[in-house]
C-alpha atoms as a PDB file:
ATOM      1  CA  MET A   1     107.736 132.296  92.195  1.00  0.00           C
ATOM      2  CA  GLU A   2     109.185 134.104  95.226  1.00  0.00           C
ATOM      3  CA  ALA A   3     105.959 136.117  95.555  1.00  0.00           C
ATOM      4  CA  ILE A   4     103.879 132.923  95.478  1.00  0.00           C
ATOM      5  CA  GLY A   5     106.091 131.378  98.131  1.00  0.00           C
ATOM      6  CA  LYS A   6     105.703 134.318 100.481  1.00  0.00           C
ATOM      7  CA  ARG A   7     101.912 134.059 100.230  1.00  0.00           C
ATOM      8  CA  VAL A   8     101.523 130.331 100.807  1.00  0.00           C
ATOM      9  CA  ILE A   9     104.581 129.161 102.774  1.00  0.00           C
ATOM     10  CA  ARG A  10     104.323 129.952 106.481  1.00  0.00           C
ATOM     11  CA  SER A  11     106.803 129.729 109.325  1.00  0.00           C
ATOM     12  CA  PHE A  12     104.153 128.003 111.469  1.00  0.00           C
ATOM     13  CA  MET A  13     101.362 125.457 111.076  1.00  0.00           C
ATOM     14  CA  PRO A  14      97.760 126.680 111.048  1.00  0.00           C
ATOM     15  CA  ASP A  15      95.482 124.804 113.449  1.00  0.00           C
ATOM     16  CA  GLN A  16      93.867 122.930 110.561  1.00  0.00           C
ATOM     17  CA  HIS A  17      97.231 121.483 109.531  1.00  0.00           C
ATOM     18  CA  ARG A  18      98.119 120.576 113.108  1.00  0.00           C
ATOM     19  CA  SER A  19      94.871 118.624 113.505  1.00  0.00           C
ATOM     20  CA  PHE A  20      95.420 116.998 110.129  1.00  0.00           C
ATOM     21  CA  PHE A  21      98.851 115.636 111.062  1.00  0.00           C
ATOM     22  CA  GLU A  22      97.518 114.332 114.379  1.00  0.00           C
ATOM     23  CA  SER A  23      94.837 112.304 112.564  1.00  0.00           C
ATOM     24  CA  LEU A  24      97.169 110.416 110.222  1.00  0.00           C
ATOM     25  CA  PRO A  25      98.295 106.763 110.431  1.00  0.00           C
ATOM     26  CA  PHE A  26     101.511 107.482 108.515  1.00  0.00           C
ATOM     27  CA  VAL A  27     103.736 110.310 107.270  1.00  0.00           C
ATOM     28  CA  VAL A  28     106.458 110.387 104.616  1.00  0.00           C
ATOM     29  CA  VAL A  29     109.853 111.778 105.653  1.00  0.00           C
ATOM     30  CA  GLY A  30     112.670 113.173 103.514  1.00  0.00           C
ATOM     31  CA  SER A  31     116.209 113.046 104.908  1.00  0.00           C
ATOM     32  CA  VAL A  32     119.852 113.221 103.837  1.00  0.00           C
ATOM     33  CA  ASP A  33     122.466 110.714 104.987  1.00  0.00           C
ATOM     34  CA  GLU A  34     126.075 111.363 106.009  1.00  0.00           C
ATOM     35  CA  GLU A  35     127.271 111.106 102.405  1.00  0.00           C
ATOM     36  CA  GLY A  36     124.688 113.563 101.100  1.00  0.00           C
ATOM     37  CA  TRP A  37     122.288 111.058  99.520  1.00  0.00           C
ATOM     38  CA  ALA A  38     118.596 111.861  99.847  1.00  0.00           C
ATOM     39  CA  TRP A  39     116.134 109.242 101.114  1.00  0.00           C
ATOM     40  CA  ALA A  40     112.353 109.129 101.315  1.00  0.00           C
ATOM     41  CA  SER A  41     110.990 107.061 104.201  1.00  0.00           C
ATOM     42  CA  LEU A  42     107.671 106.225 105.833  1.00  0.00           C
ATOM     43  CA  LEU A  43     106.813 106.359 109.546  1.00  0.00           C
ATOM     44  CA  SER A  44     103.558 104.919 110.824  1.00  0.00           C
ATOM     45  CA  GLY A  45     101.531 104.411 113.974  1.00  0.00           C
ATOM     46  CA  GLU A  46      98.065 104.587 115.400  1.00  0.00           C
ATOM     47  CA  PRO A  47      96.387 107.944 114.658  1.00  0.00           C
ATOM     48  CA  GLY A  48      97.786 110.300 117.275  1.00  0.00           C
ATOM     49  CA  PHE A  49     101.371 109.067 116.917  1.00  0.00           C
ATOM     50  CA  VAL A  50     102.025 112.569 115.547  1.00  0.00           C
ATOM     51  CA  GLN A  51     101.257 115.418 117.949  1.00  0.00           C
ATOM     52  CA  SER A  52     101.580 119.192 117.605  1.00  0.00           C
ATOM     53  CA  PRO A  53     101.941 120.811 121.044  1.00  0.00           C
ATOM     54  CA  ASP A  54     102.301 124.263 119.459  1.00  0.00           C
ATOM     55  CA  PRO A  55     102.201 125.814 115.960  1.00  0.00           C
ATOM     56  CA  VAL A  56     105.929 125.294 115.300  1.00  0.00           C
ATOM     57  CA  THR A  57     106.457 121.781 116.692  1.00  0.00           C
ATOM     58  CA  LEU A  58     105.662 118.249 115.579  1.00  0.00           C
ATOM     59  CA  ASP A  59     106.312 115.377 117.993  1.00  0.00           C
ATOM     60  CA  ILE A  60     106.508 112.047 116.159  1.00  0.00           C
ATOM     61  CA  ARG A  61     106.455 108.872 118.200  1.00  0.00           C
ATOM     62  CA  ALA A  62     107.714 106.275 115.728  1.00  0.00           C
ATOM     63  CA  ARG A  63     110.908 104.590 114.613  1.00  0.00           C
ATOM     64  CA  PRO A  64     111.967 103.742 111.058  1.00  0.00           C
ATOM     65  CA  ALA A  65     111.808 100.201 109.750  1.00  0.00           C
ATOM     66  CA  ALA A  66     114.923  98.085 110.247  1.00  0.00           C
ATOM     67  CA  GLY A  67     117.528  99.076 107.677  1.00  0.00           C
ATOM     68  CA  ASP A  68     115.950 102.425 106.777  1.00  0.00           C
ATOM     69  CA  PRO A  69     118.693 105.093 106.429  1.00  0.00           C
ATOM     70  CA  LEU A  70     116.371 107.546 108.217  1.00  0.00           C
ATOM     71  CA  ALA A  71     117.418 105.963 111.524  1.00  0.00           C
ATOM     72  CA  ARG A  72     120.847 107.601 111.203  1.00  0.00           C
ATOM     73  CA  SER A  73     119.294 111.003 110.426  1.00  0.00           C
ATOM     74  CA  MET A  74     116.997 111.183 113.451  1.00  0.00           C
ATOM     75  CA  ARG A  75     119.448 113.261 115.446  1.00  0.00           C
ATOM     76  CA  VAL A  76     119.369 116.781 116.879  1.00  0.00           C
ATOM     77  CA  GLY A  77     120.213 119.328 114.208  1.00  0.00           C
ATOM     78  CA  ALA A  78     119.206 117.151 111.255  1.00  0.00           C
ATOM     79  CA  ARG A  79     117.010 118.743 108.599  1.00  0.00           C
ATOM     80  CA  LEU A  80     113.904 116.782 107.600  1.00  0.00           C
ATOM     81  CA  GLY A  81     110.944 117.274 105.305  1.00  0.00           C
ATOM     82  CA  ILE A  82     107.609 115.724 106.274  1.00  0.00           C
ATOM     83  CA  LEU A  83     104.591 115.075 104.081  1.00  0.00           C
ATOM     84  CA  GLY A  84     101.216 114.278 105.583  1.00  0.00           C
ATOM     85  CA  ILE A  85      98.877 112.711 103.043  1.00  0.00           C
ATOM     86  CA  GLU A  86      95.393 111.280 103.475  1.00  0.00           C
ATOM     87  CA  LEU A  87      94.896 109.038 100.465  1.00  0.00           C
ATOM     88  CA  ALA A  88      91.139 108.575 100.895  1.00  0.00           C
ATOM     89  CA  THR A  89      90.412 112.321 100.793  1.00  0.00           C
ATOM     90  CA  ARG A  90      93.450 113.324  98.664  1.00  0.00           C
ATOM     91  CA  ARG A  91      94.480 115.943 101.241  1.00  0.00           C
ATOM     92  CA  ARG A  92      98.161 116.687 101.773  1.00  0.00           C
ATOM     93  CA  ASN A  93     100.204 119.154 103.792  1.00  0.00           C
ATOM     94  CA  ARG A  94     103.949 119.533 104.195  1.00  0.00           C
ATOM     95  CA  VAL A  95     106.423 120.865 106.727  1.00  0.00           C
ATOM     96  CA  ASN A  96     110.196 121.255 106.610  1.00  0.00           C
ATOM     97  CA  GLY A  97     112.342 121.856 109.646  1.00  0.00           C
ATOM     98  CA  GLU A  98     115.034 120.832 112.114  1.00  0.00           C
ATOM     99  CA  VAL A  99     115.138 118.006 114.651  1.00  0.00           C
ATOM    100  CA  ILE A 100     115.296 119.547 118.125  1.00  0.00           C
ATOM    101  CA  ARG A 101     114.836 116.371 120.179  1.00  0.00           C
ATOM    102  CA  ALA A 102     115.775 112.776 119.449  1.00  0.00           C
ATOM    103  CA  ALA A 103     114.947 109.809 121.662  1.00  0.00           C
ATOM    104  CA  ALA A 104     114.524 106.063 121.425  1.00  0.00           C
ATOM    105  CA  GLU A 105     110.798 106.400 120.788  1.00  0.00           C
ATOM    106  CA  GLY A 106     110.893 109.190 118.199  1.00  0.00           C
ATOM    107  CA  PHE A 107     111.788 112.837 117.688  1.00  0.00           C
ATOM    108  CA  SER A 108     110.533 116.435 117.691  1.00  0.00           C
ATOM    109  CA  LEU A 109     110.752 118.756 114.701  1.00  0.00           C
ATOM    110  CA  HIS A 110     110.857 122.548 114.811  1.00  0.00           C
ATOM    111  CA  VAL A 111     108.900 123.734 111.773  1.00  0.00           C
ATOM    112  CA  ASP A 112     110.582 126.306 109.522  1.00  0.00           C
ATOM    113  CA  GLN A 113     108.192 125.980 106.576  1.00  0.00           C
ATOM    114  CA  SER A 114     104.552 124.895 106.453  1.00  0.00           C
ATOM    115  CA  PHE A 115     102.344 124.734 103.380  1.00  0.00           C
ATOM    116  CA  GLY A 116      99.497 122.840 101.785  1.00  0.00           C
ATOM    117  CA  ASN A 117      99.286 121.193  98.378  1.00  0.00           C
ATOM    118  CA  CYS A 118      96.351 120.640  96.051  1.00  0.00           C
ATOM    119  CA  PRO A 119      94.906 117.129  95.495  1.00  0.00           C
ATOM    120  CA  LYS A 120      96.146 116.925  91.894  1.00  0.00           C
ATOM    121  CA  TYR A 121      97.413 113.506  90.801  1.00  0.00           C
ATOM    122  CA  ILE A 122      96.638 111.825  94.146  1.00  0.00           C
ATOM    123  CA  HIS A 123      94.974 108.481  93.487  1.00  0.00           C
ATOM    124  CA  PRO A 124      92.424 107.866  96.260  1.00  0.00           C
ATOM    125  CA  ARG A 125      92.920 104.736  98.320  1.00  0.00           C
ATOM    126  CA  GLN A 126      90.959 103.434 101.277  1.00  0.00           C
ATOM    127  CA  SER A 127      92.559 101.682 104.208  1.00  0.00           C
ATOM    128  CA  ALA A 128      91.844  97.964 104.126  1.00  0.00           C
ATOM    129  CA  GLY A 129      92.941  97.594 107.737  1.00  0.00           C
ATOM    130  CA  PRO A 130      96.176  96.473 109.383  1.00  0.00           C
ATOM    131  CA  ALA A 131      98.343  93.778 107.870  1.00  0.00           C
ATOM    132  CA  LEU A 132      98.189  90.343 109.424  1.00  0.00           C
ATOM    133  CA  GLY A 133     101.469  88.645 110.206  1.00  0.00           C
ATOM    134  CA  ARG A 134     103.733  91.223 108.543  1.00  0.00           C
ATOM    135  CA  GLY A 135     105.305  94.310 110.036  1.00  0.00           C
ATOM    136  CA  ALA A 136     108.258  96.641 110.202  1.00  0.00           C
ATOM    137  CA  SER A 137     110.399  93.983 111.908  1.00  0.00           C
ATOM    138  CA  ASN A 138     110.808  92.086 108.617  1.00  0.00           C
ATOM    139  CA  ALA A 139     114.242  92.055 107.036  1.00  0.00           C
ATOM    140  CA  SER A 140     115.533  94.704 104.655  1.00  0.00           C
ATOM    141  CA  GLU A 141     117.531  94.016 101.497  1.00  0.00           C
ATOM    142  CA  SER A 142     120.091  96.409 100.031  1.00  0.00           C
ATOM    143  CA  PHE A 143     121.018  96.569  96.339  1.00  0.00           C
ATOM    144  CA  THR A 144     123.107  98.559  93.867  1.00  0.00           C
ATOM    145  CA  ARG A 145     120.981  97.888  90.796  1.00  0.00           C
ATOM    146  CA  LEU A 146     117.253  97.475  90.217  1.00  0.00           C
ATOM    147  CA  ASP A 147     116.142  93.881  89.749  1.00  0.00           C
ATOM    148  CA  GLY A 148     113.014  92.626  88.001  1.00  0.00           C
ATOM    149  CA  ARG A 149     110.903  92.950  91.122  1.00  0.00           C
ATOM    150  CA  ALA A 150     111.865  96.603  91.596  1.00  0.00           C
ATOM    151  CA  ARG A 151     111.405  97.454  87.925  1.00  0.00           C
ATOM    152  CA  ALA A 152     107.961  95.839  87.926  1.00  0.00           C
ATOM    153  CA  LEU A 153     106.803  97.892  90.922  1.00  0.00           C
ATOM    154  CA  ILE A 154     108.130 101.127  89.422  1.00  0.00           C
ATOM    155  CA  SER A 155     106.689 100.432  85.963  1.00  0.00           C
ATOM    156  CA  SER A 156     103.206  99.783  87.367  1.00  0.00           C
ATOM    157  CA  ALA A 157     103.193 102.628  89.921  1.00  0.00           C
ATOM    158  CA  ASP A 158     100.673 105.455  89.922  1.00  0.00           C
ATOM    159  CA  THR A 159     102.194 107.017  93.044  1.00  0.00           C
ATOM    160  CA  PHE A 160     105.638 107.629  94.478  1.00  0.00           C
ATOM    161  CA  PHE A 161     107.364 110.053  96.837  1.00  0.00           C
ATOM    162  CA  VAL A 162     110.534 112.038  96.193  1.00  0.00           C
ATOM    163  CA  ALA A 163     112.981 113.483  98.729  1.00  0.00           C
ATOM    164  CA  SER A 164     115.328 116.302  97.779  1.00  0.00           C
ATOM    165  CA  HIS A 165     117.789 118.574  99.492  1.00  0.00           C
ATOM    166  CA  ALA A 166     119.161 122.102  99.248  1.00  0.00           C
ATOM    167  CA  PRO A 167     122.641 122.665 100.702  1.00  0.00           C
ATOM    168  CA  ALA A 168     123.319 125.638 102.945  1.00  0.00           C
ATOM    169  CA  ARG A 169     124.079 128.806 101.000  1.00  0.00           C
ATOM    170  CA  GLU A 170     124.537 132.467 101.887  1.00  0.00           C
ATOM    171  CA  ALA A 171     122.068 133.268 104.707  1.00  0.00           C
ATOM    172  CA  ARG A 172     119.924 130.152 104.117  1.00  0.00           C
ATOM    173  CA  ALA A 173     120.334 126.986 106.140  1.00  0.00           C
ATOM    174  CA  GLU A 174     120.427 123.526 104.640  1.00  0.00           C
ATOM    175  CA  SER A 175     116.951 122.105 104.025  1.00  0.00           C
ATOM    176  CA  ALA A 176     115.307 118.780 103.178  1.00  0.00           C
ATOM    177  CA  ASP A 177     111.965 118.244 101.484  1.00  0.00           C
ATOM    178  CA  VAL A 178     109.686 115.401 100.432  1.00  0.00           C
ATOM    179  CA  SER A 179     106.788 115.507  98.008  1.00  0.00           C
ATOM    180  CA  HIS A 180     104.211 113.316  96.273  1.00  0.00           C
ATOM    181  CA  ARG A 181     104.211 112.475  92.583  1.00  0.00           C
ATOM    182  CA  GLY A 182     101.369 110.743  90.778  1.00  0.00           C
ATOM    183  CA  GLY A 183     100.044 109.965  87.339  1.00  0.00           C
ATOM    184  CA  PRO A 184      98.231 107.274  85.390  1.00  0.00           C
ATOM    185  CA  ARG A 185      99.355 103.732  86.128  1.00  0.00           C
ATOM    186  CA  GLY A 186     102.581 103.196  84.226  1.00  0.00           C
ATOM    187  CA  PHE A 187     103.406 106.897  83.875  1.00  0.00           C
ATOM    188  CA  LEU A 188     107.031 106.154  84.770  1.00  0.00           C
ATOM    189  CA  ARG A 189     109.163 104.400  82.186  1.00  0.00           C
ATOM    190  CA  PHE A 190     112.713 103.166  81.873  1.00  0.00           C
ATOM    191  CA  ASP A 191     115.158 104.516  79.330  1.00  0.00           C
ATOM    192  CA  ALA A 192     117.613 102.233  77.543  1.00  0.00           C
ATOM    193  CA  ASP A 193     120.368 103.200  79.992  1.00  0.00           C
ATOM    194  CA  GLY A 194     118.286 102.102  82.994  1.00  0.00           C
ATOM    195  CA  SER A 195     117.331 105.595  84.127  1.00  0.00           C
ATOM    196  CA  ILE A 196     113.744 106.327  85.158  1.00  0.00           C
ATOM    197  CA  ILE A 197     111.954 108.957  83.095  1.00  0.00           C
ATOM    198  CA  VAL A 198     109.637 111.085  85.250  1.00  0.00           C
ATOM    199  CA  PRO A 199     107.167 113.420  83.491  1.00  0.00           C
ATOM    200  CA  ASP A 200     106.859 116.736  85.306  1.00  0.00           C
ATOM    201  CA  TYR A 201     103.150 117.507  85.405  1.00  0.00           C
ATOM    202  CA  PRO A 202     102.033 121.048  86.357  1.00  0.00           C
ATOM    203  CA  GLY A 203     101.069 121.312  90.017  1.00  0.00           C
ATOM    204  CA  ASN A 204     101.184 124.011  92.679  1.00  0.00           C
ATOM    205  CA  LEU A 205     103.974 125.952  90.953  1.00  0.00           C
ATOM    206  CA  PHE A 206     106.056 125.926  94.147  1.00  0.00           C
ATOM    207  CA  PHE A 207     108.944 124.115  92.411  1.00  0.00           C
ATOM    208  CA  ASN A 208     110.360 122.929  95.751  1.00  0.00           C
ATOM    209  CA  THR A 209     111.586 119.641  94.336  1.00  0.00           C
ATOM    210  CA  LEU A 210     112.944 120.927  91.030  1.00  0.00           C
ATOM    211  CA  GLY A 211     114.483 123.937  92.765  1.00  0.00           C
ATOM    212  CA  ASN A 212     116.326 121.648  95.157  1.00  0.00           C
ATOM    213  CA  LEU A 213     117.458 119.366  92.323  1.00  0.00           C
ATOM    214  CA  MET A 214     118.987 122.352  90.564  1.00  0.00           C
ATOM    215  CA  LEU A 215     121.137 122.940  93.665  1.00  0.00           C
ATOM    216  CA  ASP A 216     121.881 119.272  94.399  1.00  0.00           C
ATOM    217  CA  PRO A 217     120.816 116.707  91.766  1.00  0.00           C
ATOM    218  CA  ARG A 218     120.605 113.817  94.210  1.00  0.00           C
ATOM    219  CA  ALA A 219     117.114 112.570  95.069  1.00  0.00           C
ATOM    220  CA  GLY A 220     115.501 109.703  96.932  1.00  0.00           C
ATOM    221  CA  LEU A 221     112.412 107.895  95.643  1.00  0.00           C
ATOM    222  CA  LEU A 222     109.979 105.796  97.673  1.00  0.00           C
ATOM    223  CA  PHE A 223     107.540 103.325  96.127  1.00  0.00           C
ATOM    224  CA  ALA A 224     104.907 101.435  98.109  1.00  0.00           C
ATOM    225  CA  ASP A 225     103.398  98.076  97.275  1.00  0.00           C
ATOM    226  CA  PHE A 226      99.999  98.901  98.753  1.00  0.00           C
ATOM    227  CA  ASP A 227      98.868  95.257  98.489  1.00  0.00           C
ATOM    228  CA  ARG A 228     101.825  93.522 100.137  1.00  0.00           C
ATOM    229  CA  GLY A 229     103.074  96.362 102.314  1.00  0.00           C
ATOM    230  CA  ASP A 230     106.635  96.329 100.987  1.00  0.00           C
ATOM    231  CA  LEU A 231     108.510  99.611 100.501  1.00  0.00           C
ATOM    232  CA  LEU A 232     111.168 100.281  97.867  1.00  0.00           C
ATOM    233  CA  GLN A 233     113.691 103.046  98.609  1.00  0.00           C
ATOM    234  CA  VAL A 234     116.004 104.180  95.816  1.00  0.00           C
ATOM    235  CA  THR A 235     118.521 107.024  95.832  1.00  0.00           C
ATOM    236  CA  GLY A 236     120.345 108.407  92.832  1.00  0.00           C
ATOM    237  CA  VAL A 237     121.173 111.358  90.614  1.00  0.00           C
ATOM    238  CA  THR A 238     118.724 113.373  88.532  1.00  0.00           C
ATOM    239  CA  ALA A 239     118.959 115.401  85.340  1.00  0.00           C
ATOM    240  CA  ILE A 240     116.215 117.884  84.442  1.00  0.00           C
ATOM    241  CA  ALA A 241     115.158 118.136  80.786  1.00  0.00           C
ATOM    242  CA  TRP A 242     113.274 121.433  80.782  1.00  0.00           C
ATOM    243  CA  GLN A 243     112.336 121.386  77.098  1.00  0.00           C
ATOM    244  CA  GLU A 244     110.874 117.887  77.390  1.00  0.00           C
ATOM    245  CA  GLN A 245     109.112 118.702  80.699  1.00  0.00           C
ATOM    246  CA  LEU A 246     110.572 115.696  82.450  1.00  0.00           C
ATOM    247  CA  TRP A 247     113.469 114.635  84.597  1.00  0.00           C
ATOM    248  CA  ARG A 248     115.603 111.531  84.573  1.00  0.00           C
ATOM    249  CA  PHE A 249     116.574 109.591  87.661  1.00  0.00           C
ATOM    250  CA  ASN A 250     119.686 107.413  87.577  1.00  0.00           C
ATOM    251  CA  PRO A 251     119.517 104.974  90.513  1.00  0.00           C
ATOM    252  CA  THR A 252     122.739 104.246  92.374  1.00  0.00           C
ATOM    253  CA  HIS A 253     121.609 102.137  95.330  1.00  0.00           C
ATOM    254  CA  GLY A 254     118.614 101.389  97.496  1.00  0.00           C
ATOM    255  CA  ARG A 255     116.767  99.082  99.866  1.00  0.00           C
ATOM    256  CA  TRP A 256     113.704  96.905 100.046  1.00  0.00           C
ATOM    257  CA  LEU A 257     111.900  97.285 103.386  1.00  0.00           C
ATOM    258  CA  ASN A 258     109.763  94.176 103.385  1.00  0.00           C
ATOM    259  CA  GLY A 259     106.430  94.474 105.161  1.00  0.00           C
ATOM    260  CA  ALA A 260     107.307  97.936 106.481  1.00  0.00           C
ATOM    261  CA  LEU A 261     103.891  99.403 105.627  1.00  0.00           C
ATOM    262  CA  PRO A 262     101.601  97.990 108.344  1.00  0.00           C
ATOM    263  CA  ILE A 263      98.411  99.147 106.594  1.00  0.00           C
ATOM    264  CA  ARG A 264      96.958  97.805 103.364  1.00  0.00           C
ATOM    265  CA  PHE A 265      95.154 100.082 100.909  1.00  0.00           C
ATOM    266  CA  THR A 266      92.658  99.450  98.131  1.00  0.00           C
ATOM    267  CA  PRO A 267      91.881 101.833  95.239  1.00  0.00           C
ATOM    268  CA  VAL A 268      88.765 104.015  95.412  1.00  0.00           C
ATOM    269  CA  SER A 269      86.855 105.098  92.312  1.00  0.00           C
ATOM    270  CA  LEU A 270      86.023 108.783  92.080  1.00  0.00           C
END
């Protein structure tokens, strides 16, 4: 695995990745709050809200939705993971790095790791245009247990995003990461104890997420209601079942960010 990582994980972004990020209307961000809980968030804007002035920098001009824990992590020195994903073409690229500038309008990230991912398990969706009358200013709702609305969204999902975190150790700095997970509609299910069972399908064999969860079992999940534009953030503790090729997620708390996704998406048939 280390040999694979050295071949595909760079310390800079190739020009193709830089152009890709600059073309996107949203990115997914993985962060860790003051108590060590991981969160997956979404930042959006008109294409061009992300800029790459050089191969090791991303400038992101956007603020989190009201109530999103990411707002407290957008500070100099914070470690973030960023996923760029183009649902219509199933392209995705990731960077991990450190915040080197924080301002009212956004932040700059110094890239430590840059790599691409294959299109496996990405369900294509086409933008249906901006939402009318709903936006990131809508209220957020916090919770400590999943209600029927949250369970329904999770049970019917074919896509979610997962943030994870590796604490500092030896000569390696702390790091944060965020990745995409997909499967057939309903591929996630609830166990009797309320935990979410996540099948671990074979992918790029990078094992970023599972590797992080072995070091710190806390993870943050993000689910999008692509029709209504609501976002569901849940953080909790995982347990990997290697023999069963799955992992369990025990939610501890989370937030609804109502109307925080300003774009609507419709499925596309391949």
